[in-house]
């Protein structure tokens, strides 16, 4: 149950993206494929299994980035946390801001990794 609560808290955090500015280069749709909490990593199958226990099927979190710097976050099990925001990109570094608190990450090909405290989320371009 603790893992589900942490997943939901992380979804809430990610879905509140509201940054200023952005740039092209990473535009497209990304889906959450893994999450790491401390020393424990959950792959997409484990995450979906936890979500299915809550009656949810399909993609857990999708993130759409547009070439004009906008981000749209959708969640299949917490619609109330879905939202629109923006992102900034500087080389392979991506930053989003959650209610004035920046969340940084890296872009590596088709993968975006976002980290906050001891939590890390990996999104893969679809």
N, C-alpha and C. Protein backbone atom coordinates (compact mmCIF):
# COMPACT_ATOMS: atom_id res chain seq x y z
N UNK A 1 0.82 -1.19 0.00
CA UNK A 1 0.00 0.00 0.00
C UNK A 1 0.87 1.25 0.00
N UNK A 2 2.02 1.19 0.72
CA UNK A 2 2.92 2.34 0.76
C UNK A 2 3.41 2.67 -0.64
N UNK A 3 3.69 1.62 -1.44
CA UNK A 3 4.19 1.83 -2.80
C UNK A 3 3.14 2.51 -3.66
N UNK A 4 1.89 2.13 -3.50
CA UNK A 4 0.81 2.76 -4.27
C UNK A 4 0.67 4.22 -3.87
N UNK A 5 0.74 4.50 -2.58
CA UNK A 5 0.65 5.88 -2.11
C UNK A 5 1.80 6.71 -2.65
N UNK A 6 3.01 6.15 -2.67
CA UNK A 6 4.15 6.87 -3.21
C UNK A 6 4.00 7.12 -4.70
N UNK A 7 3.48 6.11 -5.43
CA UNK A 7 3.25 6.27 -6.85
C UNK A 7 2.24 7.39 -7.10
N UNK A 8 1.17 7.39 -6.32
CA UNK A 8 0.16 8.43 -6.50
C UNK A 8 0.72 9.81 -6.18
N UNK A 9 1.54 9.91 -5.14
CA UNK A 9 2.16 11.19 -4.80
C UNK A 9 3.08 11.66 -5.91
N UNK A 10 3.82 10.74 -6.50
CA UNK A 10 4.72 11.10 -7.58
C UNK A 10 3.95 11.54 -8.81
N UNK A 11 2.86 10.85 -9.11
CA UNK A 11 2.01 11.23 -10.24
C UNK A 11 1.49 12.64 -10.03
N UNK A 12 1.04 12.93 -8.82
CA UNK A 12 0.53 14.25 -8.51
C UNK A 12 1.61 15.29 -8.73
N UNK A 13 2.81 15.02 -8.28
CA UNK A 13 3.92 15.95 -8.44
C UNK A 13 4.23 16.20 -9.91
N UNK A 14 4.35 15.16 -10.68
CA UNK A 14 4.72 15.30 -12.08
C UNK A 14 3.63 16.00 -12.87
N UNK A 15 2.39 15.74 -12.53
CA UNK A 15 1.30 16.29 -13.32
C UNK A 15 1.05 17.76 -13.06
N UNK A 16 1.72 18.34 -12.11
CA UNK A 16 1.54 19.76 -11.84
C UNK A 16 2.58 20.62 -12.53
N UNK A 17 3.22 20.10 -13.57
CA UNK A 17 4.24 20.86 -14.27
C UNK A 17 3.70 22.22 -14.69
N UNK A 18 4.47 23.26 -14.40
CA UNK A 18 4.10 24.60 -14.86
C UNK A 18 5.40 25.40 -14.94
N UNK A 19 6.13 25.26 -16.00
CA UNK A 19 7.41 25.95 -16.14
C UNK A 19 7.26 27.12 -17.09
N UNK A 20 8.33 27.89 -17.23
CA UNK A 20 8.27 29.00 -18.17
C UNK A 20 9.23 28.70 -19.32
N UNK A 21 8.76 28.90 -20.49
CA UNK A 21 9.59 28.72 -21.67
C UNK A 21 9.74 27.27 -22.05
N UNK A 22 10.48 27.04 -23.12
CA UNK A 22 10.70 25.70 -23.61
C UNK A 22 11.32 25.79 -24.98
N UNK A 23 11.66 24.68 -25.55
CA UNK A 23 12.22 24.70 -26.89
C UNK A 23 11.98 23.36 -27.54
N UNK A 24 12.19 23.33 -28.84
CA UNK A 24 11.94 22.10 -29.57
C UNK A 24 13.10 21.13 -29.42
N UNK A 25 12.94 19.94 -29.98
CA UNK A 25 13.98 18.93 -29.92
C UNK A 25 13.52 17.68 -29.21
N UNK A 26 12.59 17.80 -28.30
CA UNK A 26 12.08 16.64 -27.59
C UNK A 26 10.59 16.45 -27.80
N UNK A 27 10.02 17.22 -28.72
CA UNK A 27 8.58 17.15 -28.89
C UNK A 27 8.12 15.74 -29.24
N UNK A 28 6.98 15.38 -28.66
CA UNK A 28 6.41 14.06 -28.85
C UNK A 28 5.69 13.62 -27.60
N UNK A 29 5.22 12.38 -27.62
CA UNK A 29 4.50 11.82 -26.48
C UNK A 29 5.38 10.78 -25.79
N UNK A 30 5.45 10.88 -24.47
CA UNK A 30 6.26 10.00 -23.64
C UNK A 30 5.35 9.27 -22.66
N UNK A 31 5.73 8.04 -22.34
CA UNK A 31 4.98 7.25 -21.37
C UNK A 31 5.91 6.82 -20.24
N UNK A 32 5.39 6.84 -19.02
CA UNK A 32 6.16 6.39 -17.87
C UNK A 32 6.51 4.91 -18.04
N UNK A 33 7.80 4.57 -17.94
CA UNK A 33 8.23 3.17 -18.11
C UNK A 33 8.90 2.60 -16.86
N UNK A 34 9.36 3.47 -15.96
CA UNK A 34 9.92 2.97 -14.70
C UNK A 34 9.99 4.09 -13.68
N UNK A 35 10.07 3.67 -12.44
CA UNK A 35 10.17 4.61 -11.33
C UNK A 35 11.12 4.03 -10.31
N UNK A 36 11.95 4.87 -9.74
CA UNK A 36 12.90 4.43 -8.72
C UNK A 36 12.64 5.22 -7.45
N UNK A 37 12.56 4.50 -6.34
CA UNK A 37 12.41 5.13 -5.04
C UNK A 37 13.53 4.61 -4.16
N UNK A 38 14.46 5.47 -3.81
CA UNK A 38 15.62 5.02 -3.04
C UNK A 38 16.38 3.99 -3.85
N UNK A 39 16.55 2.80 -3.29
CA UNK A 39 17.27 1.73 -3.98
C UNK A 39 16.35 0.77 -4.73
N UNK A 40 15.04 1.05 -4.73
CA UNK A 40 14.08 0.15 -5.35
C UNK A 40 13.59 0.72 -6.68
N UNK A 41 13.69 -0.09 -7.73
CA UNK A 41 13.22 0.31 -9.05
C UNK A 41 12.02 -0.54 -9.44
N UNK A 42 10.98 0.13 -9.94
CA UNK A 42 9.77 -0.53 -10.41
C UNK A 42 9.70 -0.38 -11.92
N UNK A 43 9.62 -1.51 -12.64
CA UNK A 43 9.49 -1.41 -14.09
C UNK A 43 8.02 -1.18 -14.45
N UNK A 44 7.76 -0.97 -15.72
CA UNK A 44 6.42 -0.62 -16.17
C UNK A 44 5.41 -1.71 -15.81
N UNK A 45 5.79 -2.97 -15.88
CA UNK A 45 4.86 -4.04 -15.55
C UNK A 45 4.49 -4.01 -14.06
N UNK A 46 5.46 -3.75 -13.21
CA UNK A 46 5.18 -3.66 -11.78
C UNK A 46 4.28 -2.46 -11.48
N UNK A 47 4.55 -1.32 -12.13
CA UNK A 47 3.73 -0.13 -11.93
C UNK A 47 2.29 -0.36 -12.39
N UNK A 48 2.15 -1.00 -13.56
CA UNK A 48 0.81 -1.27 -14.07
C UNK A 48 0.08 -2.27 -13.17
N UNK A 49 0.80 -3.22 -12.62
CA UNK A 49 0.18 -4.19 -11.71
C UNK A 49 -0.36 -3.48 -10.47
N UNK A 50 0.43 -2.56 -9.92
CA UNK A 50 -0.04 -1.79 -8.76
C UNK A 50 -1.26 -0.96 -9.13
N UNK A 51 -1.25 -0.35 -10.31
CA UNK A 51 -2.39 0.47 -10.75
C UNK A 51 -3.63 -0.40 -10.98
N UNK A 52 -3.42 -1.60 -11.53
CA UNK A 52 -4.56 -2.50 -11.78
C UNK A 52 -5.24 -2.92 -10.48
N UNK A 53 -4.47 -2.98 -9.39
CA UNK A 53 -5.08 -3.28 -8.09
C UNK A 53 -6.05 -2.17 -7.69
N UNK A 54 -5.87 -0.99 -8.28
CA UNK A 54 -6.77 0.14 -8.04
C UNK A 54 -7.83 0.24 -9.13
N UNK A 55 -7.86 -0.75 -10.05
CA UNK A 55 -8.87 -0.76 -11.10
C UNK A 55 -8.50 0.02 -12.34
N UNK A 56 -7.22 0.31 -12.53
CA UNK A 56 -6.76 1.12 -13.66
C UNK A 56 -5.99 0.25 -14.64
N UNK A 57 -6.26 0.45 -15.92
CA UNK A 57 -5.51 -0.25 -16.96
C UNK A 57 -5.00 0.78 -17.96
N UNK A 58 -3.96 0.42 -18.67
CA UNK A 58 -3.40 1.32 -19.69
C UNK A 58 -2.22 2.10 -19.18
N UNK A 59 -1.84 3.10 -19.94
CA UNK A 59 -0.70 3.94 -19.59
C UNK A 59 -0.96 4.66 -18.27
N UNK A 60 0.03 4.69 -17.40
CA UNK A 60 -0.13 5.35 -16.12
C UNK A 60 -0.04 6.86 -16.26
N UNK A 61 1.03 7.29 -16.87
CA UNK A 61 1.23 8.73 -17.07
C UNK A 61 1.78 8.93 -18.47
N UNK A 62 1.21 9.86 -19.20
CA UNK A 62 1.78 10.25 -20.48
C UNK A 62 2.12 11.73 -20.40
N UNK A 63 3.17 12.09 -21.07
CA UNK A 63 3.63 13.47 -21.10
C UNK A 63 3.83 13.84 -22.56
N UNK A 64 3.09 14.84 -23.01
CA UNK A 64 3.25 15.32 -24.38
C UNK A 64 3.99 16.64 -24.34
N UNK A 65 5.09 16.71 -25.07
CA UNK A 65 5.89 17.93 -25.17
C UNK A 65 5.77 18.46 -26.59
N UNK A 66 5.52 19.75 -26.72
CA UNK A 66 5.39 20.35 -28.04
C UNK A 66 6.60 21.22 -28.35
N UNK A 67 6.81 21.48 -29.62
CA UNK A 67 7.99 22.24 -30.04
C UNK A 67 7.96 23.69 -29.55
N UNK A 68 6.80 24.17 -29.13
CA UNK A 68 6.72 25.54 -28.61
C UNK A 68 6.87 25.61 -27.09
N UNK A 69 7.33 24.51 -26.47
CA UNK A 69 7.65 24.53 -25.05
C UNK A 69 6.50 24.19 -24.12
N UNK A 70 5.40 23.68 -24.65
CA UNK A 70 4.28 23.32 -23.79
C UNK A 70 4.34 21.83 -23.42
N UNK A 71 3.84 21.53 -22.23
CA UNK A 71 3.77 20.15 -21.76
C UNK A 71 2.33 19.86 -21.35
N UNK A 72 1.85 18.68 -21.72
CA UNK A 72 0.53 18.24 -21.32
C UNK A 72 0.69 16.89 -20.63
N UNK A 73 0.24 16.81 -19.39
CA UNK A 73 0.38 15.60 -18.60
C UNK A 73 -1.00 14.96 -18.46
N UNK A 74 -1.07 13.66 -18.73
CA UNK A 74 -2.32 12.92 -18.56
C UNK A 74 -2.06 11.70 -17.70
N UNK A 75 -3.02 11.37 -16.85
CA UNK A 75 -2.92 10.21 -15.99
C UNK A 75 -4.18 9.38 -16.14
N UNK A 76 -4.02 8.08 -16.34
CA UNK A 76 -5.17 7.21 -16.54
C UNK A 76 -5.91 6.88 -15.25
N UNK A 77 -5.32 7.16 -14.10
CA UNK A 77 -5.99 6.81 -12.87
C UNK A 77 -6.18 7.97 -11.92
N UNK A 78 -5.67 9.13 -12.24
CA UNK A 78 -5.89 10.31 -11.41
C UNK A 78 -6.12 11.50 -12.31
N UNK A 79 -7.30 11.56 -12.93
CA UNK A 79 -7.59 12.64 -13.86
C UNK A 79 -7.45 14.01 -13.22
N UNK A 80 -7.70 14.10 -11.93
CA UNK A 80 -7.62 15.39 -11.26
C UNK A 80 -6.21 15.95 -11.21
N UNK A 81 -5.20 15.15 -11.47
CA UNK A 81 -3.83 15.65 -11.44
C UNK A 81 -3.28 15.92 -12.83
N UNK A 82 -4.05 15.63 -13.85
CA UNK A 82 -3.60 15.90 -15.22
C UNK A 82 -3.62 17.41 -15.44
N UNK A 83 -2.73 17.88 -16.30
CA UNK A 83 -2.70 19.31 -16.54
C UNK A 83 -1.73 19.72 -17.61
N UNK A 84 -1.75 21.01 -17.87
CA UNK A 84 -0.88 21.59 -18.87
C UNK A 84 0.16 22.47 -18.20
N UNK A 85 1.30 22.57 -18.81
CA UNK A 85 2.37 23.42 -18.32
C UNK A 85 3.36 23.66 -19.43
N UNK A 86 4.57 23.97 -19.06
CA UNK A 86 5.63 24.20 -20.04
C UNK A 86 6.93 23.57 -19.53
N UNK A 87 7.92 23.58 -20.39
CA UNK A 87 9.22 23.03 -20.02
C UNK A 87 10.32 23.87 -20.64
N UNK A 88 11.52 23.74 -20.11
CA UNK A 88 12.70 24.36 -20.71
C UNK A 88 13.71 23.26 -21.00
N UNK A 89 14.45 23.45 -22.06
CA UNK A 89 15.45 22.48 -22.48
C UNK A 89 16.75 23.21 -22.76
N UNK A 90 17.83 22.71 -22.17
CA UNK A 90 19.16 23.28 -22.37
C UNK A 90 20.11 22.11 -22.64
N UNK A 91 20.36 21.86 -23.93
CA UNK A 91 21.16 20.69 -24.30
C UNK A 91 20.42 19.43 -23.94
N UNK A 92 21.02 18.60 -23.08
CA UNK A 92 20.34 17.37 -22.66
C UNK A 92 19.68 17.52 -21.30
N UNK A 93 19.59 18.73 -20.79
CA UNK A 93 18.96 19.01 -19.50
C UNK A 93 17.57 19.57 -19.72
N UNK A 94 16.58 18.99 -19.03
CA UNK A 94 15.21 19.46 -19.11
C UNK A 94 14.78 19.86 -17.70
N UNK A 95 14.06 20.96 -17.61
CA UNK A 95 13.58 21.43 -16.31
C UNK A 95 12.11 21.80 -16.43
N UNK A 96 11.34 21.33 -15.48
CA UNK A 96 9.94 21.73 -15.34
C UNK A 96 9.79 22.28 -13.94
N UNK A 97 8.81 23.14 -13.75
CA UNK A 97 8.59 23.73 -12.43
C UNK A 97 7.24 23.30 -11.92
N UNK A 98 7.21 22.84 -10.69
CA UNK A 98 5.98 22.43 -10.04
C UNK A 98 5.68 23.47 -8.97
N UNK A 99 4.70 24.30 -9.22
CA UNK A 99 4.32 25.36 -8.29
C UNK A 99 5.56 26.06 -7.72
N UNK A 100 6.36 26.61 -8.59
CA UNK A 100 7.58 27.36 -8.26
C UNK A 100 8.71 26.49 -7.73
N UNK A 101 8.61 25.17 -7.80
CA UNK A 101 9.69 24.27 -7.39
C UNK A 101 10.17 23.52 -8.63
N UNK A 102 11.39 23.80 -9.10
CA UNK A 102 11.87 23.15 -10.31
C UNK A 102 12.15 21.66 -10.13
N UNK A 103 11.83 20.91 -11.17
CA UNK A 103 12.16 19.49 -11.24
C UNK A 103 13.05 19.33 -12.45
N UNK A 104 14.24 18.82 -12.24
CA UNK A 104 15.21 18.70 -13.32
C UNK A 104 15.35 17.27 -13.78
N UNK A 105 15.85 17.14 -14.98
CA UNK A 105 16.09 15.81 -15.51
C UNK A 105 17.00 15.87 -16.70
N UNK A 106 17.12 14.72 -17.35
CA UNK A 106 17.97 14.62 -18.52
C UNK A 106 17.21 13.98 -19.67
N UNK A 107 17.66 14.31 -20.87
CA UNK A 107 17.12 13.73 -22.09
C UNK A 107 18.24 12.91 -22.70
N UNK A 108 17.92 11.65 -23.02
CA UNK A 108 18.90 10.76 -23.65
C UNK A 108 18.19 10.00 -24.75
N UNK A 109 18.29 10.52 -25.96
CA UNK A 109 17.59 9.90 -27.09
C UNK A 109 16.10 9.96 -26.90
N UNK A 110 15.46 8.79 -26.78
CA UNK A 110 14.01 8.71 -26.62
C UNK A 110 13.58 8.66 -25.16
N UNK A 111 14.50 8.91 -24.24
CA UNK A 111 14.22 8.77 -22.82
C UNK A 111 14.39 10.10 -22.09
N UNK A 112 13.42 10.40 -21.22
CA UNK A 112 13.52 11.55 -20.32
C UNK A 112 13.46 11.01 -18.90
N UNK A 113 14.44 11.37 -18.10
CA UNK A 113 14.49 10.97 -16.70
C UNK A 113 14.32 12.22 -15.85
N UNK A 114 13.32 12.22 -14.98
CA UNK A 114 13.05 13.32 -14.06
C UNK A 114 13.30 12.83 -12.65
N UNK A 115 13.93 13.67 -11.82
CA UNK A 115 14.25 13.27 -10.46
C UNK A 115 13.87 14.36 -9.47
N UNK A 116 13.40 13.91 -8.31
CA UNK A 116 13.09 14.81 -7.21
C UNK A 116 13.31 14.05 -5.92
N UNK A 117 14.11 14.61 -5.03
CA UNK A 117 14.48 13.95 -3.78
C UNK A 117 15.04 12.57 -4.11
N UNK A 118 14.52 11.50 -3.51
CA UNK A 118 15.04 10.17 -3.80
C UNK A 118 14.14 9.42 -4.80
N UNK A 119 13.30 10.15 -5.53
CA UNK A 119 12.42 9.56 -6.52
C UNK A 119 12.91 9.91 -7.92
N UNK A 120 12.80 8.96 -8.82
CA UNK A 120 13.21 9.16 -10.21
C UNK A 120 12.18 8.49 -11.11
N UNK A 121 11.76 9.21 -12.15
CA UNK A 121 10.81 8.66 -13.10
C UNK A 121 11.42 8.67 -14.49
N UNK A 122 11.23 7.58 -15.23
CA UNK A 122 11.77 7.47 -16.57
C UNK A 122 10.60 7.38 -17.55
N UNK A 123 10.61 8.28 -18.53
CA UNK A 123 9.60 8.31 -19.59
C UNK A 123 10.27 7.93 -20.90
N UNK A 124 9.56 7.19 -21.72
CA UNK A 124 10.08 6.79 -23.03
C UNK A 124 9.16 7.32 -24.13
N UNK A 125 9.80 7.88 -25.18
CA UNK A 125 9.04 8.43 -26.30
C UNK A 125 8.32 7.30 -27.02
N UNK A 126 7.06 7.53 -27.34
CA UNK A 126 6.21 6.54 -27.99
C UNK A 126 6.20 6.75 -29.51
